[in-house]
């Protein structure tokens, strides 16, 4: 069992509550419910995902006691989970974290961009993944893959192609110089490109495949 500076043993019940939601079982790494819990706790989804596996198979006496006490009593589990959230201030996060210095890192990927509230870094990641699967001539709203992605991440196809135009400016293999270079979206797109543009595209593809769960 791994350690995390933000982890508290009381959180096992929050994980159990998520595990017990139908369909019962381990939830996908980037399912919206997993990410929402991670954001609430300020603990990375991967850590919670690993903890859920440990919770499922653990022979640790304290966890077995939790299973025996709550797994067949969903109302009792819900009440206890709600009490924990109130105890730690999660139901009033704005007030609870007021004047508290919180250094967000991975959380920012799921927050809206200042430049465009309809976008977030994870949406830019999804678009970059598709960018590497297309050629510039196919980066048009009518391309089926772009239409499919638009439906998945709740954007219109034109916005996706606009982002791809910006990625063409970031792409060192292309020479693009246009008015698009002054768009406020250039900086967030450059940041995503720096993170993933020079890596193995398979790594980006794997991440994007996992992130799909967030939008389903």
Protein backbone atom coordinates (compact mmCIF):
# COMPACT_ATOMS: atom_id res chain seq x y z
CA UNK A 1 0.00 0.00 0.00
CA UNK A 2 1.50 3.33 -1.09
CA UNK A 3 1.70 6.48 0.98
CA UNK A 4 0.54 9.93 -0.04
CA UNK A 5 0.89 13.18 1.95
CA UNK A 6 -2.78 14.02 1.38
CA UNK A 7 -4.13 10.56 2.20
CA UNK A 8 -6.16 9.86 5.33
CA UNK A 9 -7.48 6.46 6.37
CA UNK A 10 -10.96 7.94 6.52
CA UNK A 11 -10.84 8.17 2.74
CA UNK A 12 -11.14 4.38 2.42
CA UNK A 13 -14.88 4.78 2.89
CA UNK A 14 -15.05 7.36 0.09
CA UNK A 15 -13.25 4.91 -2.16
CA UNK A 16 -15.55 2.10 -1.04
CA UNK A 17 -18.57 4.24 -1.82
CA UNK A 18 -17.24 4.83 -5.34
CA UNK A 19 -16.41 1.13 -5.74
CA UNK A 20 -19.95 0.16 -4.76
CA UNK A 21 -21.61 2.44 -7.31
CA UNK A 22 -23.13 0.44 -10.17
CA UNK A 23 -21.60 -1.23 -11.99
CA UNK A 24 -19.89 -2.42 -8.81
CA UNK A 25 -16.14 -2.81 -9.11
CA UNK A 26 -12.93 -0.99 -9.97
CA UNK A 27 -13.73 2.22 -11.78
CA UNK A 28 -11.71 3.31 -14.83
CA UNK A 29 -8.70 5.47 -14.03
CA UNK A 30 -10.16 8.61 -15.60
CA UNK A 31 -13.84 7.98 -15.13
CA UNK A 32 -15.55 11.23 -14.18
CA UNK A 33 -16.44 9.91 -10.73
CA UNK A 34 -12.82 8.90 -10.07
CA UNK A 35 -11.54 12.28 -11.24
CA UNK A 36 -14.18 14.16 -9.22
CA UNK A 37 -13.09 12.32 -6.08
CA UNK A 38 -9.44 12.98 -6.90
CA UNK A 39 -10.13 16.69 -7.36
CA UNK A 40 -12.04 16.83 -4.10
CA UNK A 41 -9.21 15.16 -2.18
CA UNK A 42 -6.37 16.78 -4.18
CA UNK A 43 -4.95 13.30 -4.73
CA UNK A 44 -3.97 12.06 -8.18
CA UNK A 45 -6.46 9.68 -9.89
CA UNK A 46 -3.68 7.10 -10.37
CA UNK A 47 -3.09 6.91 -6.62
CA UNK A 48 -6.81 6.47 -5.91
CA UNK A 49 -7.03 3.88 -8.70
CA UNK A 50 -4.21 1.86 -7.12
CA UNK A 51 -5.76 2.24 -3.68
CA UNK A 52 -9.05 0.90 -5.00
CA UNK A 53 -7.29 -2.27 -6.17
CA UNK A 54 -5.72 -2.60 -2.73
CA UNK A 55 -9.11 -2.07 -1.11
CA UNK A 56 -10.66 -4.77 -3.30
CA UNK A 57 -8.17 -7.52 -2.54
CA UNK A 58 -6.85 -6.50 0.86
CA UNK A 59 -6.68 -8.98 3.72
CA UNK A 60 -5.76 -6.16 6.09
CA UNK A 61 -7.97 -6.51 9.19
CA UNK A 62 -9.02 -2.87 9.32
CA UNK A 63 -10.18 -2.94 5.68
CA UNK A 64 -11.95 -6.27 6.12
CA UNK A 65 -13.79 -4.70 9.02
CA UNK A 66 -14.92 -1.85 6.76
CA UNK A 67 -16.17 -4.31 4.16
CA UNK A 68 -18.06 -6.31 6.76
CA UNK A 69 -19.60 -3.19 8.26
CA UNK A 70 -20.57 -1.23 5.16
CA UNK A 71 -20.51 -3.26 1.94
CA UNK A 72 -24.02 -4.66 2.44
CA UNK A 73 -25.41 -1.52 4.00
CA UNK A 74 -25.33 1.20 1.29
CA UNK A 75 -27.37 3.73 3.29
CA UNK A 76 -25.04 3.44 6.25
CA UNK A 77 -22.07 3.80 3.89
CA UNK A 78 -23.61 6.87 2.28
CA UNK A 79 -24.25 8.49 5.67
CA UNK A 80 -20.71 7.80 6.86
CA UNK A 81 -19.19 9.07 3.60
CA UNK A 82 -21.24 12.26 3.87
CA UNK A 83 -20.06 12.72 7.45
CA UNK A 84 -16.43 12.36 6.36
CA UNK A 85 -16.91 14.95 3.62
CA UNK A 86 -18.42 17.35 6.13
CA UNK A 87 -15.68 16.62 8.64
CA UNK A 88 -12.95 17.45 6.14
CA UNK A 89 -14.85 20.40 4.70
CA UNK A 90 -15.24 18.94 1.20
CA UNK A 91 -18.87 19.97 0.88
CA UNK A 92 -17.82 23.59 1.35
CA UNK A 93 -14.48 23.49 -0.41
CA UNK A 94 -14.39 27.19 -1.30
CA UNK A 95 -14.68 28.12 2.36
CA UNK A 96 -12.58 25.26 3.67
CA UNK A 97 -9.60 26.03 1.41
CA UNK A 98 -9.89 29.81 1.73
CA UNK A 99 -6.49 31.30 2.61
CA UNK A 100 -4.94 27.84 2.27
CA UNK A 101 -1.98 27.69 -0.12
CA UNK A 102 -2.84 24.87 -2.50
CA UNK A 103 -0.35 24.14 -5.27
CA UNK A 104 -2.35 22.50 -8.01
CA UNK A 105 -0.46 20.49 -10.60
CA UNK A 106 -2.36 17.68 -12.32
CA UNK A 107 -5.67 19.28 -11.25
CA UNK A 108 -5.16 22.06 -13.80
CA UNK A 109 -5.59 19.57 -16.64
CA UNK A 110 -9.26 19.26 -15.68
CA UNK A 111 -9.91 22.95 -15.11
CA UNK A 112 -11.29 25.30 -17.81
CA UNK A 113 -8.74 27.45 -19.60
CA UNK A 114 -8.67 31.13 -18.78
CA UNK A 115 -8.50 31.88 -22.49
CA UNK A 116 -11.58 29.78 -23.30
CA UNK A 117 -13.81 28.28 -20.61
CA UNK A 118 -15.16 25.72 -23.09
CA UNK A 119 -11.69 24.18 -23.32
CA UNK A 120 -9.45 22.42 -20.81
CA UNK A 121 -5.97 20.90 -21.09
CA UNK A 122 -7.42 17.38 -21.30
CA UNK A 123 -9.50 18.46 -24.30
CA UNK A 124 -6.35 19.89 -25.88
CA UNK A 125 -4.65 16.54 -25.20
CA UNK A 126 -7.48 14.69 -26.95
CA UNK A 127 -7.23 17.03 -29.93
CA UNK A 128 -3.45 16.67 -30.14
CA UNK A 129 -3.79 12.89 -30.15
CA UNK A 130 -6.11 13.09 -33.16
CA UNK A 131 -3.84 15.68 -34.77
CA UNK A 132 -1.08 13.07 -35.01
CA UNK A 133 -3.47 10.65 -36.69
CA UNK A 134 -4.47 13.03 -39.48
CA UNK A 135 -2.77 14.98 -42.24
CA UNK A 136 -3.26 18.74 -42.64
CA UNK A 137 -5.56 18.27 -45.62
CA UNK A 138 -7.93 16.15 -43.52
CA UNK A 139 -8.02 18.61 -40.60
CA UNK A 140 -11.44 19.92 -41.60
CA UNK A 141 -14.78 19.85 -39.75
CA UNK A 142 -16.25 17.29 -42.15
CA UNK A 143 -13.67 14.60 -41.37
CA UNK A 144 -15.50 11.74 -39.55
CA UNK A 145 -12.79 11.38 -36.88
CA UNK A 146 -13.10 15.07 -36.04
CA UNK A 147 -16.88 14.83 -35.90
CA UNK A 148 -16.61 11.83 -33.55
CA UNK A 149 -14.17 13.63 -31.26
CA UNK A 150 -16.39 16.72 -31.25
CA UNK A 151 -19.32 14.65 -30.00
CA UNK A 152 -17.16 12.96 -27.36
CA UNK A 153 -15.63 16.08 -25.81
CA UNK A 154 -18.63 18.34 -26.42
CA UNK A 155 -17.09 20.82 -28.83
CA UNK A 156 -18.10 21.82 -32.31
CA UNK A 157 -15.90 20.44 -35.11
CA UNK A 158 -14.88 23.94 -36.20
CA UNK A 159 -13.29 24.63 -32.81
CA UNK A 160 -11.34 21.39 -33.02
CA UNK A 161 -9.97 22.29 -36.45
CA UNK A 162 -9.08 25.75 -35.14
CA UNK A 163 -7.03 24.09 -32.38
CA UNK A 164 -5.39 21.87 -34.97
CA UNK A 165 -4.44 25.00 -36.94
CA UNK A 166 -2.67 26.25 -33.82
CA UNK A 167 -0.91 22.92 -33.38
CA UNK A 168 0.39 23.31 -36.92
CA UNK A 169 2.12 26.48 -35.74
CA UNK A 170 3.67 24.45 -32.90
CA UNK A 171 4.68 21.60 -35.21
CA UNK A 172 8.42 21.88 -36.08
CA UNK A 173 7.88 19.75 -39.17
CA UNK A 174 5.58 22.37 -40.66
CA UNK A 175 6.13 26.02 -41.45
CA UNK A 176 3.02 27.91 -40.46
CA UNK A 177 3.03 31.64 -39.96
CA UNK A 178 -0.29 33.41 -39.83
CA UNK A 179 -2.52 35.64 -37.74
CA UNK A 180 -3.36 32.53 -35.69
CA UNK A 181 -0.02 33.04 -33.92
CA UNK A 182 -1.54 35.85 -31.86
CA UNK A 183 -4.48 33.82 -30.57
CA UNK A 184 -4.71 33.58 -26.75
CA UNK A 185 -4.95 29.82 -27.21
CA UNK A 186 -1.42 29.62 -28.58
CA UNK A 187 0.21 29.47 -25.15
CA UNK A 188 -1.94 26.62 -23.72
CA UNK A 189 -1.51 24.71 -26.98
CA UNK A 190 2.24 25.23 -26.83
CA UNK A 191 2.27 23.89 -23.28
CA UNK A 192 0.47 20.72 -24.35
CA UNK A 193 2.80 20.38 -27.32
CA UNK A 194 5.86 20.67 -25.06
CA UNK A 195 4.47 17.91 -22.86
CA UNK A 196 3.52 15.47 -25.58
CA UNK A 197 4.55 16.69 -29.04
CA UNK A 198 8.05 15.25 -28.94
CA UNK A 199 7.23 12.03 -27.12
CA UNK A 200 6.34 8.65 -28.53
CA UNK A 201 2.86 9.13 -30.06
CA UNK A 202 1.86 5.77 -28.61
CA UNK A 203 2.14 7.21 -25.09
CA UNK A 204 -0.18 10.04 -26.04
CA UNK A 205 -2.57 7.60 -27.69
CA UNK A 206 -2.68 5.47 -24.53
CA UNK A 207 -3.40 8.50 -22.35
CA UNK A 208 -6.09 9.78 -24.71
CA UNK A 209 -7.72 6.34 -24.72
CA UNK A 210 -7.86 6.42 -20.92
CA UNK A 211 -9.17 9.99 -20.87
CA UNK A 212 -12.12 9.01 -23.06
CA UNK A 213 -13.73 7.59 -19.93
CA UNK A 214 -13.94 11.09 -18.47
CA UNK A 215 -16.27 12.21 -21.27
CA UNK A 216 -18.53 9.16 -21.42
